[in-house]
C-alpha atoms as a PDB file:
ATOM      1  CA  MET A   1      20.016 -22.419  12.744  1.00  0.00           C
ATOM      2  CA  SER A   2      22.552 -22.733   9.974  1.00  0.00           C
ATOM      3  CA  HIS A   3      24.000 -26.019   8.742  1.00  0.00           C
ATOM      4  CA  ALA A   4      27.152 -25.216  10.770  1.00  0.00           C
ATOM      5  CA  ASP A   5      25.122 -24.881  13.989  1.00  0.00           C
ATOM      6  CA  ALA A   6      23.925 -27.752  16.125  1.00  0.00           C
ATOM      7  CA  LEU A   7      21.890 -28.307  19.244  1.00  0.00           C
ATOM      8  CA  VAL A   8      24.529 -29.108  21.806  1.00  0.00           C
ATOM      9  CA  VAL A   9      23.521 -30.798  25.056  1.00  0.00           C
ATOM     10  CA  MET A  10      26.102 -31.027  27.826  1.00  0.00           C
ATOM     11  CA  THR A  11      25.698 -32.575  31.243  1.00  0.00           C
ATOM     12  CA  ARG A  12      27.913 -32.403  34.308  1.00  0.00           C
ATOM     13  CA  VAL A  13      27.385 -33.700  37.824  1.00  0.00           C
ATOM     14  CA  VAL A  14      28.652 -31.158  40.323  1.00  0.00           C
ATOM     15  CA  HIS A  15      29.233 -32.298  43.885  1.00  0.00           C
ATOM     16  CA  ALA A  16      27.454 -29.336  45.490  1.00  0.00           C
ATOM     17  CA  PRO A  17      23.862 -28.600  46.594  1.00  0.00           C
ATOM     18  CA  ARG A  18      21.445 -27.601  43.832  1.00  0.00           C
ATOM     19  CA  GLU A  19      20.641 -24.201  45.394  1.00  0.00           C
ATOM     20  CA  HIS A  20      24.344 -23.344  45.485  1.00  0.00           C
ATOM     21  CA  VAL A  21      24.890 -24.417  41.862  1.00  0.00           C
ATOM     22  CA  TYR A  22      21.854 -22.415  40.727  1.00  0.00           C
ATOM     23  CA  ALA A  23      23.059 -19.324  42.600  1.00  0.00           C
ATOM     24  CA  THR A  24      26.425 -19.614  40.889  1.00  0.00           C
ATOM     25  CA  TRP A  25      24.633 -19.078  37.553  1.00  0.00           C
ATOM     26  CA  ARG A  26      22.324 -16.300  38.780  1.00  0.00           C
ATOM     27  CA  ARG A  27      24.691 -14.082  40.754  1.00  0.00           C
ATOM     28  CA  PRO A  28      27.033 -12.035  38.548  1.00  0.00           C
ATOM     29  CA  GLU A  29      29.857 -11.998  41.086  1.00  0.00           C
ATOM     30  CA  ARG A  30      29.791 -15.810  41.266  1.00  0.00           C
ATOM     31  CA  MET A  31      29.415 -16.372  37.547  1.00  0.00           C
ATOM     32  CA  ALA A  32      32.336 -14.080  36.836  1.00  0.00           C
ATOM     33  CA  ARG A  33      34.573 -16.515  38.750  1.00  0.00           C
ATOM     34  CA  TRP A  34      34.021 -19.421  36.342  1.00  0.00           C
ATOM     35  CA  TRP A  35      32.601 -18.046  33.089  1.00  0.00           C
ATOM     36  CA  SER A  36      35.220 -17.487  30.470  1.00  0.00           C
ATOM     37  CA  ALA A  37      37.486 -14.495  30.930  1.00  0.00           C
ATOM     38  CA  GLU A  38      38.776 -15.279  27.446  1.00  0.00           C
ATOM     39  CA  HIS A  39      35.615 -14.180  25.641  1.00  0.00           C
ATOM     40  CA  ARG A  40      35.462 -10.628  24.328  1.00  0.00           C
ATOM     41  CA  GLY A  41      38.654  -9.423  25.876  1.00  0.00           C
ATOM     42  CA  GLY A  42      38.212 -10.750  29.385  1.00  0.00           C
ATOM     43  CA  THR A  43      34.577  -9.824  30.047  1.00  0.00           C
ATOM     44  CA  ALA A  44      32.538 -12.249  32.115  1.00  0.00           C
ATOM     45  CA  VAL A  45      28.884 -12.861  31.273  1.00  0.00           C
ATOM     46  CA  ALA A  46      26.401 -12.883  34.140  1.00  0.00           C
ATOM     47  CA  CYS A  47      22.714 -13.803  34.303  1.00  0.00           C
ATOM     48  CA  GLY A  48      21.797 -11.839  37.411  1.00  0.00           C
ATOM     49  CA  ASP A  49      19.792  -9.073  35.747  1.00  0.00           C
ATOM     50  CA  HIS A  50      16.868  -9.287  33.362  1.00  0.00           C
ATOM     51  CA  ALA A  51      18.815  -7.696  30.505  1.00  0.00           C
ATOM     52  CA  HIS A  52      22.177  -6.029  30.336  1.00  0.00           C
ATOM     53  CA  ARG A  53      25.201  -5.419  28.170  1.00  0.00           C
ATOM     54  CA  VAL A  54      28.459  -7.155  28.979  1.00  0.00           C
ATOM     55  CA  GLY A  55      31.186  -5.738  26.801  1.00  0.00           C
ATOM     56  CA  ALA A  56      30.077  -6.444  23.236  1.00  0.00           C
ATOM     57  CA  LEU A  57      27.497  -9.001  24.396  1.00  0.00           C
ATOM     58  CA  VAL A  58      23.848  -8.514  25.303  1.00  0.00           C
ATOM     59  CA  VAL A  59      22.493 -10.970  27.871  1.00  0.00           C
ATOM     60  CA  VAL A  60      18.727 -11.285  28.370  1.00  0.00           C
ATOM     61  CA  LEU A  61      17.205 -13.454  31.074  1.00  0.00           C
ATOM     62  CA  HIS A  62      13.999 -15.061  29.771  1.00  0.00           C
ATOM     63  CA  GLU A  63      13.125 -17.415  32.603  1.00  0.00           C
ATOM     64  CA  ALA A  64      14.357 -18.121  36.110  1.00  0.00           C
ATOM     65  CA  ARG A  65      12.749 -20.906  38.110  1.00  0.00           C
ATOM     66  CA  PRO A  66      14.842 -21.286  41.282  1.00  0.00           C
ATOM     67  CA  PRO A  67      16.551 -23.680  41.762  1.00  0.00           C
ATOM     68  CA  GLU A  68      15.466 -25.710  38.710  1.00  0.00           C
ATOM     69  CA  ARG A  69      15.943 -23.795  35.465  1.00  0.00           C
ATOM     70  CA  ILE A  70      17.389 -20.713  33.786  1.00  0.00           C
ATOM     71  CA  VAL A  71      16.779 -19.641  30.188  1.00  0.00           C
ATOM     72  CA  PHE A  72      18.744 -16.749  28.732  1.00  0.00           C
ATOM     73  CA  SER A  73      19.933 -15.473  25.395  1.00  0.00           C
ATOM     74  CA  TRP A  74      23.173 -13.833  24.548  1.00  0.00           C
ATOM     75  CA  GLY A  75      24.665 -12.316  21.473  1.00  0.00           C
ATOM     76  CA  ASN A  76      25.920  -9.065  20.031  1.00  0.00           C
ATOM     77  CA  GLY A  77      22.514  -7.348  20.113  1.00  0.00           C
ATOM     78  CA  ASP A  78      21.621  -8.367  16.558  1.00  0.00           C
ATOM     79  CA  ARG A  79      18.671 -10.807  16.613  1.00  0.00           C
ATOM     80  CA  GLU A  80      20.380 -12.863  13.924  1.00  0.00           C
ATOM     81  CA  CYS A  81      23.415 -13.416  16.157  1.00  0.00           C
ATOM     82  CA  GLN A  82      21.689 -14.477  19.377  1.00  0.00           C
ATOM     83  CA  THR A  83      21.591 -17.884  20.938  1.00  0.00           C
ATOM     84  CA  ILE A  84      19.197 -19.257  23.548  1.00  0.00           C
ATOM     85  CA  VAL A  85      20.686 -21.203  26.437  1.00  0.00           C
ATOM     86  CA  THR A  86      18.605 -23.435  28.717  1.00  0.00           C
ATOM     87  CA  VAL A  87      20.224 -24.694  31.893  1.00  0.00           C
ATOM     88  CA  THR A  88      18.477 -27.152  34.223  1.00  0.00           C
ATOM     89  CA  PHE A  89      19.532 -28.246  37.697  1.00  0.00           C
ATOM     90  CA  ALA A  90      18.439 -31.609  39.122  1.00  0.00           C
ATOM     91  CA  GLU A  91      19.283 -33.137  42.466  1.00  0.00           C
ATOM     92  CA  VAL A  92      21.161 -36.405  42.158  1.00  0.00           C
ATOM     93  CA  ASP A  93      22.858 -38.605  44.703  1.00  0.00           C
ATOM     94  CA  GLY A  94      25.931 -36.694  45.800  1.00  0.00           C
ATOM     95  CA  GLY A  95      25.183 -33.388  44.102  1.00  0.00           C
ATOM     96  CA  THR A  96      23.508 -31.643  41.186  1.00  0.00           C
ATOM     97  CA  ARG A  97      23.194 -32.606  37.540  1.00  0.00           C
ATOM     98  CA  VAL A  98      23.596 -29.515  35.363  1.00  0.00           C
ATOM     99  CA  GLU A  99      22.287 -29.836  31.813  1.00  0.00           C
ATOM    100  CA  LEU A 100      22.976 -27.108  29.283  1.00  0.00           C
ATOM    101  CA  ARG A 101      21.176 -26.933  25.922  1.00  0.00           C
ATOM    102  CA  GLN A 102      22.266 -24.415  23.338  1.00  0.00           C
ATOM    103  CA  VAL A 103      22.196 -24.059  19.579  1.00  0.00           C
ATOM    104  CA  MET A 104      25.694 -22.961  18.641  1.00  0.00           C
ATOM    105  CA  PRO A 105      28.384 -23.400  16.065  1.00  0.00           C
ATOM    106  CA  ARG A 106      30.132 -26.738  16.612  1.00  0.00           C
ATOM    107  CA  ARG A 107      33.443 -24.914  16.927  1.00  0.00           C
ATOM    108  CA  HIS A 108      32.219 -23.339  20.211  1.00  0.00           C
ATOM    109  CA  GLU A 109      31.304 -26.658  21.820  1.00  0.00           C
ATOM    110  CA  ARG A 110      34.768 -27.151  23.337  1.00  0.00           C
ATOM    111  CA  VAL A 111      34.702 -23.670  24.910  1.00  0.00           C
ATOM    112  CA  MET A 112      31.322 -24.318  26.519  1.00  0.00           C
ATOM    113  CA  ALA A 113      32.498 -27.700  27.825  1.00  0.00           C
ATOM    114  CA  ALA A 114      35.500 -25.987  29.435  1.00  0.00           C
ATOM    115  CA  ARG A 115      33.177 -23.498  31.149  1.00  0.00           C
ATOM    116  CA  LEU A 116      31.147 -26.310  32.681  1.00  0.00           C
ATOM    117  CA  ASP A 117      34.330 -28.020  33.823  1.00  0.00           C
ATOM    118  CA  ARG A 118      35.480 -24.779  35.528  1.00  0.00           C
ATOM    119  CA  LEU A 119      32.072 -24.461  37.206  1.00  0.00           C
ATOM    120  CA  ALA A 120      32.390 -27.962  38.665  1.00  0.00           C
ATOM    121  CA  ILE A 121      35.960 -27.331  39.864  1.00  0.00           C
ATOM    122  CA  LEU A 122      34.978 -24.044  41.543  1.00  0.00           C
ATOM    123  CA  LEU A 123      31.919 -25.452  43.295  1.00  0.00           C
ATOM    124  CA  GLU A 124      33.547 -28.671  44.413  1.00  0.00           C
ATOM    125  CA  ALA A 125      36.531 -26.773  45.816  1.00  0.00           C
ATOM    126  CA  SER A 126      34.182 -24.638  47.953  1.00  0.00           C
ATOM    127  CA  ALA A 127      31.921 -27.508  49.091  1.00  0.00           C
END
């Protein structure tokens, strides 16, 4: 982690069942609906497979514990440019608390926050 990077922890409560929220992270066709189309020329990242290339990005699933936790890394294929993302899903009154932990440059924090906001909007619209 460089001095420009930070551990960023973001939490959102999504008004949808935990299993549905988890599936929205694990199924590529669902994740493509809310994950940024702005990154890498419109390519959506998906965590459905163990490891795959998405445009210029390499996504590797390290752990999947349905419907509680997902750990994956993504980057350009160079070990020096990868980041580990841990996402947990907890039942709360009225929905699911999604917590995302990722070491990333501070300048990317706003982009990741927008992704979580889009996830909540998508899931709550379909609930």
